[in-house]
Every structure is written in C-alpha cells, then in structure tokens.
Amino acid sequence: MQIKQTEVLITTPDGQMPAVLLIPNTPDRKPAILLLMEAFGLTSYLRAVATRIAHEGYVVLTPDLYYRELPNHTFGYDAVEQAMAAMWRLDFGQPMENDLQAALTYVKSHPDVKPNLVGVTGFCLGGGLTFFTACKFSDEIAAVASFYGMVLDEWIDAVKDITVPIYLFFGGRDPFIPGDRIQQIKARFQELSKDPSLKVYPEAGHGFFCHERSDYNQHAAKDAWHELTQFFQQHLQAAS
C-alpha cells in the first residue's frame, strides 16, 4: 500500500500547530486515527508508528503538541528529565482541549476521511491525552486506545463523560503508574457500570511498546499491537 505523507499546519487559538498527515493511496474515504505523541515529542519513532497504522488502512494525523516551544521540541530517549519538564509545561486545561479540538476538526473535515469513524491512540503523554480526549470529545470520536497513560484525578472523575469504546494498556512494572492507580481507574469505570477493555502486562514497564526505549518488551508490544489493530478493526473498519 502506498502512503502519502505530508507536513501540515493546524490552526489553533494559540497559533499554527505542525502535524504529520498520512493518507493511504486507496480510492475510498477511510476511517482516521489521531495519534498523540509521547513526552519526547513528535519523534522519528512516532512517525514510524503513524506509518505502521496507516498501512492498516487509516488516515493518520499526528500533531506536535509542543508547537508553542518550537524549534526545540523533540527529545532523545536518554533525555528523560528534559522531556518530562517539557511535558509538565503543557497546560492540560483549555489550551490542550483547544489543541485536541483543532486536530479532530482538521482530520474529520479531510475529504479522504469518514468523519464519523475517527479513533484516538497514544503513548505515555499521548496515552493520558487519549484518555482526556475520550472524556472531552466522546461525541466526536468512535473509539480510543490508551497506552500507559498517566491519568489525572480530574480525568478519573470525568469517566462519567466517556461514551465510546476504550482500551487501556498498562505495564505491571511501570513506576509511573502503580497497580493501585490502575485499580482506581478500573473501579471508577465499574462504579459507573462501564466496561472498558483493560490489559496489564505483568512483566512490562513504562514505554514497553517502543523498541527504542530500555523498557521495550517484545512480547507485550507484539500482543498489544494485535489487540490494538483488532480493536480499531472492530470499531472503525467494520463499522464502515
């Protein structure tokens, strides 16, 4: 499958947000995936994941959420402190909501996209923001899959607003997301009679999906990719 990749600019209230747009070269309109970045930014690895998803038959949009700090906005996986500092400089209130709304509006309005079939996924920071997107924009999307996302307390409270299918992936040895936090998230869904898909890989740490990170776990990454593709196939491809 041929994939057309372009660099685009998305208009937000705070300026132009760069993004990577990938479009499979097939004649029909397609479901889309909004892929949200790690704390390390819009890295070459994330671009590779975007390409991998596009080869599954999706239009993929990957925005650079650090656009307010251009040009120094991408970090190596050895620069954990700098990446974490950049992540915590983000405003997870209205500015982030505006950025995500702008990205969704852009991809849903693209002529190659079926606007009622947009999914969201992401890793690390992007995993948390995938959860946030489900809380804020369930009426605009069709499914979300979050990888080892750190979920803020107010987002757990907002689980009541999630109305789309959600899949949560965690590592059992993740120092940033301990088991009791995962149980707290799960309990909140159960309290509201919601039934998320949730999978914990007992031997995996944070970042287990990324082969460039020290926490890479081949078994967990392979299984999670299978689960992810089947999940989106069910809720995006089959629905089309």
Protein backbone atom coordinates (compact mmCIF):
# COMPACT_ATOMS: atom_id res chain seq x y z
CA MET A 1 0.00 0.00 0.00
CA GLN A 2 1.30 3.44 -0.94
CA ILE A 3 1.20 6.03 1.84
CA LYS A 4 1.28 9.76 1.13
CA GLN A 5 2.94 11.68 3.96
CA THR A 6 2.76 15.45 4.25
CA GLU A 7 3.60 18.09 6.83
CA VAL A 8 0.55 20.24 7.58
CA LEU A 9 -0.35 23.18 9.82
CA ILE A 10 -3.45 23.17 12.01
CA THR A 11 -4.91 26.48 13.15
CA THR A 12 -5.41 26.79 16.92
CA PRO A 13 -6.27 29.78 19.13
CA ASP A 14 -2.56 29.95 20.04
CA GLY A 15 -1.11 29.71 16.54
CA GLN A 16 -0.21 27.16 13.90
CA MET A 17 0.34 23.61 15.17
CA PRO A 18 2.50 21.43 12.88
CA ALA A 19 1.37 17.88 12.27
CA VAL A 20 2.17 14.88 10.13
CA LEU A 21 -0.65 13.61 7.92
CA LEU A 22 -0.53 10.16 6.34
CA ILE A 23 -3.05 9.02 3.75
CA PRO A 24 -3.22 5.52 2.26
CA ASN A 25 -3.46 5.63 -1.53
CA THR A 26 -6.84 3.95 -1.85
CA PRO A 27 -9.84 5.44 -3.68
CA ASP A 28 -12.45 5.39 -0.93
CA ARG A 29 -12.86 7.55 2.14
CA LYS A 30 -11.30 5.92 5.17
CA PRO A 31 -11.50 5.85 8.96
CA ALA A 32 -8.89 8.01 10.67
CA ILE A 33 -6.68 7.75 13.73
CA LEU A 34 -5.46 10.71 15.76
CA LEU A 35 -2.07 9.57 17.12
CA LEU A 36 -0.90 11.53 20.16
CA MET A 37 2.80 11.86 20.95
CA GLU A 38 4.94 10.74 23.86
CA ALA A 39 6.61 13.24 26.20
CA PHE A 40 9.61 13.03 23.85
CA GLY A 41 7.71 14.83 21.13
CA LEU A 42 6.97 14.07 17.53
CA THR A 43 9.97 11.77 17.13
CA SER A 44 11.07 9.64 14.19
CA TYR A 45 9.80 6.64 16.16
CA LEU A 46 6.32 8.13 16.47
CA ARG A 47 6.32 8.90 12.76
CA ALA A 48 7.16 5.24 12.14
CA VAL A 49 4.22 4.16 14.30
CA ALA A 50 2.00 6.53 12.32
CA THR A 51 3.15 4.86 9.09
CA ARG A 52 2.51 1.44 10.58
CA ILE A 53 -1.05 2.43 11.47
CA ALA A 54 -1.62 3.99 8.05
CA HIS A 55 -0.68 0.67 6.45
CA GLU A 56 -3.66 -0.82 8.29
CA GLY A 57 -5.89 1.38 6.13
CA TYR A 58 -6.29 4.55 8.20
CA VAL A 59 -5.66 8.21 7.58
CA VAL A 60 -3.35 9.18 10.47
CA LEU A 61 -2.82 12.65 11.94
CA THR A 62 -0.03 13.20 14.46
CA PRO A 63 0.09 16.75 15.86
CA ASP A 64 3.11 18.36 17.52
CA LEU A 65 1.68 19.43 20.86
CA TYR A 66 4.92 21.22 21.75
CA TYR A 67 4.38 23.75 18.97
CA ARG A 68 4.41 26.65 21.41
CA GLU A 69 8.09 25.85 22.12
CA LEU A 70 9.39 25.46 18.57
CA PRO A 71 12.02 24.73 17.43
CA ASN A 72 13.35 22.79 20.46
CA HIS A 73 10.55 20.33 20.85
CA THR A 74 11.88 16.79 20.27
CA PHE A 75 14.00 14.81 22.72
CA GLY A 76 16.06 11.64 22.61
CA TYR A 77 15.01 8.77 24.84
CA ASP A 78 18.04 9.45 27.04
CA ALA A 79 16.78 12.99 27.77
CA VAL A 80 14.08 11.93 30.21
CA GLU A 81 14.34 14.96 32.50
CA GLN A 82 14.11 17.47 29.65
CA ALA A 83 11.17 15.63 28.10
CA MET A 84 9.32 15.42 31.40
CA ALA A 85 9.93 19.12 32.02
CA ALA A 86 8.50 19.97 28.59
CA MET A 87 5.51 17.75 29.25
CA TRP A 88 4.69 19.45 32.54
CA ARG A 89 4.93 22.87 30.88
CA LEU A 90 1.89 21.95 28.84
CA ASP A 91 -1.40 23.39 30.04
CA PHE A 92 -3.79 20.46 30.44
CA GLY A 93 -6.78 22.76 30.73
CA GLN A 94 -8.44 24.80 27.99
CA PRO A 95 -5.31 25.17 25.78
CA MET A 96 -4.94 21.39 25.47
CA GLU A 97 -8.66 21.00 24.89
CA ASN A 98 -8.40 23.60 22.12
CA ASP A 99 -5.44 21.80 20.51
CA LEU A 100 -7.21 18.45 20.50
CA GLN A 101 -10.40 20.00 19.17
CA ALA A 102 -8.43 21.66 16.37
CA ALA A 103 -6.76 18.35 15.46
CA LEU A 104 -10.08 16.49 15.46
CA THR A 105 -11.76 19.19 13.38
CA TYR A 106 -8.92 19.09 10.87
CA VAL A 107 -8.90 15.33 10.38
CA LYS A 108 -12.70 14.98 10.38
CA SER A 109 -13.00 17.62 7.66
CA HIS A 110 -10.42 15.99 5.38
CA PRO A 111 -12.01 14.74 2.13
CA ASP A 112 -10.34 11.31 2.48
CA VAL A 113 -11.82 10.71 5.94
CA LYS A 114 -15.13 9.27 7.10
CA PRO A 115 -15.80 11.87 9.84
CA ASN A 116 -17.94 9.58 11.97
CA LEU A 117 -15.14 6.99 12.19
CA VAL A 118 -12.22 8.65 13.98
CA GLY A 119 -10.22 6.82 16.62
CA VAL A 120 -7.58 8.12 19.01
CA THR A 121 -4.49 6.44 20.38
CA GLY A 122 -1.24 7.49 22.01
CA PHE A 123 1.66 6.51 24.22
CA CYS A 124 2.94 7.90 27.53
CA LEU A 125 1.84 11.57 27.47
CA GLY A 126 -0.26 10.68 24.44
CA GLY A 127 -1.85 7.82 26.34
CA GLY A 128 -3.01 10.19 29.03
CA LEU A 129 -4.25 12.66 26.44
CA THR A 130 -6.10 9.86 24.66
CA PHE A 131 -8.00 9.30 27.92
CA PHE A 132 -8.56 13.07 28.18
CA THR A 133 -9.91 13.13 24.61
CA ALA A 134 -12.38 10.38 25.48
CA CYS A 135 -13.59 12.46 28.44
CA LYS A 136 -13.99 15.66 26.43
CA PHE A 137 -14.89 14.56 22.91
CA SER A 138 -16.75 11.24 23.06
CA ASP A 139 -19.44 12.73 20.83
CA GLU A 140 -16.86 13.40 18.08
CA ILE A 141 -14.94 10.11 18.03
CA ALA A 142 -15.65 6.40 17.69
CA ALA A 143 -13.04 4.59 19.86
CA VAL A 144 -9.87 5.23 21.86
CA ALA A 145 -6.88 3.13 22.90
CA SER A 146 -4.52 4.47 25.56
CA PHE A 147 -1.00 3.12 26.15
CA TYR A 148 0.46 3.59 29.66
CA GLY A 149 -1.14 6.99 30.05
CA MET A 150 -0.82 8.86 33.33
CA VAL A 151 -4.40 9.84 34.16
CA LEU A 152 -5.03 12.96 36.24
CA ASP A 153 -7.53 12.82 39.11
CA GLU A 154 -9.99 15.11 37.34
CA TRP A 155 -9.94 12.82 34.31
CA ILE A 156 -10.89 9.88 36.51
CA ASP A 157 -13.80 11.96 37.76
CA ALA A 158 -14.74 12.67 34.13
CA VAL A 159 -15.04 8.97 33.23
CA LYS A 160 -18.79 9.62 33.51
CA ASP A 161 -18.49 11.52 30.21
CA ILE A 162 -16.83 8.67 28.28
CA THR A 163 -19.34 7.03 25.96
CA VAL A 164 -17.05 5.41 23.37
CA PRO A 165 -15.28 2.03 23.48
CA ILE A 166 -11.95 2.37 25.27
CA TYR A 167 -8.95 0.05 25.57
CA LEU A 168 -6.35 0.74 28.28
CA PHE A 169 -2.88 -0.85 28.12
CA PHE A 170 -0.52 -0.82 31.12
CA GLY A 171 2.74 -2.39 32.23
CA GLY A 172 2.74 -4.19 35.56
CA ARG A 173 6.19 -2.82 36.37
CA ASP A 174 5.51 0.78 35.39
CA PRO A 175 6.96 3.03 38.13
CA PHE A 176 4.82 5.97 36.97
CA ILE A 177 1.50 4.10 37.06
CA PRO A 178 1.43 1.68 40.01
CA GLY A 179 -1.06 -1.14 40.32
CA ASP A 180 -3.28 0.69 42.80
CA ARG A 181 -3.71 3.56 40.31
CA ILE A 182 -4.74 1.11 37.61
CA GLN A 183 -7.25 -0.41 40.04
CA GLN A 184 -8.57 3.05 40.87
CA ILE A 185 -9.17 3.75 37.17
CA LYS A 186 -10.83 0.36 36.70
CA ALA A 187 -13.01 0.84 39.77
CA ARG A 188 -14.25 4.20 38.51
CA PHE A 189 -15.47 2.60 35.28
CA GLN A 190 -17.12 -0.22 37.21
CA GLU A 191 -18.78 2.24 39.58
CA LEU A 192 -20.45 3.80 36.53
CA SER A 193 -21.37 0.40 35.04
CA LYS A 194 -18.94 0.98 32.17
CA ASP A 195 -16.90 -1.90 30.80
CA PRO A 196 -13.55 -0.80 29.34
CA SER A 197 -11.10 -3.20 27.79
CA LEU A 198 -8.05 -3.17 30.06
CA LYS A 199 -4.87 -5.21 29.80
CA VAL A 200 -1.89 -5.24 32.14
CA TYR A 201 1.35 -6.92 31.04
CA PRO A 202 2.84 -8.10 34.36
CA GLU A 203 6.50 -8.10 33.24
CA ALA A 204 6.37 -4.85 31.26
CA GLY A 205 7.50 -1.41 32.37
CA HIS A 206 6.65 2.07 31.13
CA GLY A 207 7.19 2.52 27.40
CA PHE A 208 7.05 -1.22 26.68
CA PHE A 209 5.73 -0.69 23.14
CA CYS A 210 8.72 1.32 21.90
CA HIS A 211 11.71 -0.71 20.68
CA GLU A 212 13.98 2.33 21.15
CA ARG A 213 13.34 2.51 24.89
CA SER A 214 15.03 0.48 27.62
CA ASP A 215 11.62 -0.74 28.83
CA TYR A 216 10.79 -2.33 25.47
CA ASN A 217 9.09 -5.69 25.95
CA GLN A 218 8.82 -7.63 22.71
CA HIS A 219 6.08 -9.97 23.84
CA ALA A 220 3.92 -7.18 25.27
CA ALA A 221 4.49 -4.96 22.24
CA LYS A 222 3.54 -7.69 19.79
CA ASP A 223 0.44 -8.66 21.73
CA ALA A 224 -0.64 -5.04 22.24
CA TRP A 225 -0.28 -4.30 18.53
CA HIS A 226 -2.52 -7.27 17.74
CA GLU A 227 -5.07 -6.10 20.32
CA LEU A 228 -4.92 -2.52 19.04
CA THR A 229 -5.47 -3.43 15.40
CA GLN A 230 -8.32 -5.80 16.24
CA PHE A 231 -9.95 -3.17 18.46
CA PHE A 232 -9.86 -0.49 15.76
CA GLN A 233 -10.88 -3.03 13.12
CA GLN A 234 -14.00 -3.77 15.16
CA HIS A 235 -14.96 -0.19 15.95
CA LEU A 236 -13.73 1.69 12.87
CA GLN A 237 -13.23 -0.60 9.89
CA ALA A 238 -16.12 -2.99 10.47
CA ALA A 239 -18.39 -0.05 11.22
CA SER A 240 -17.63 1.45 7.83
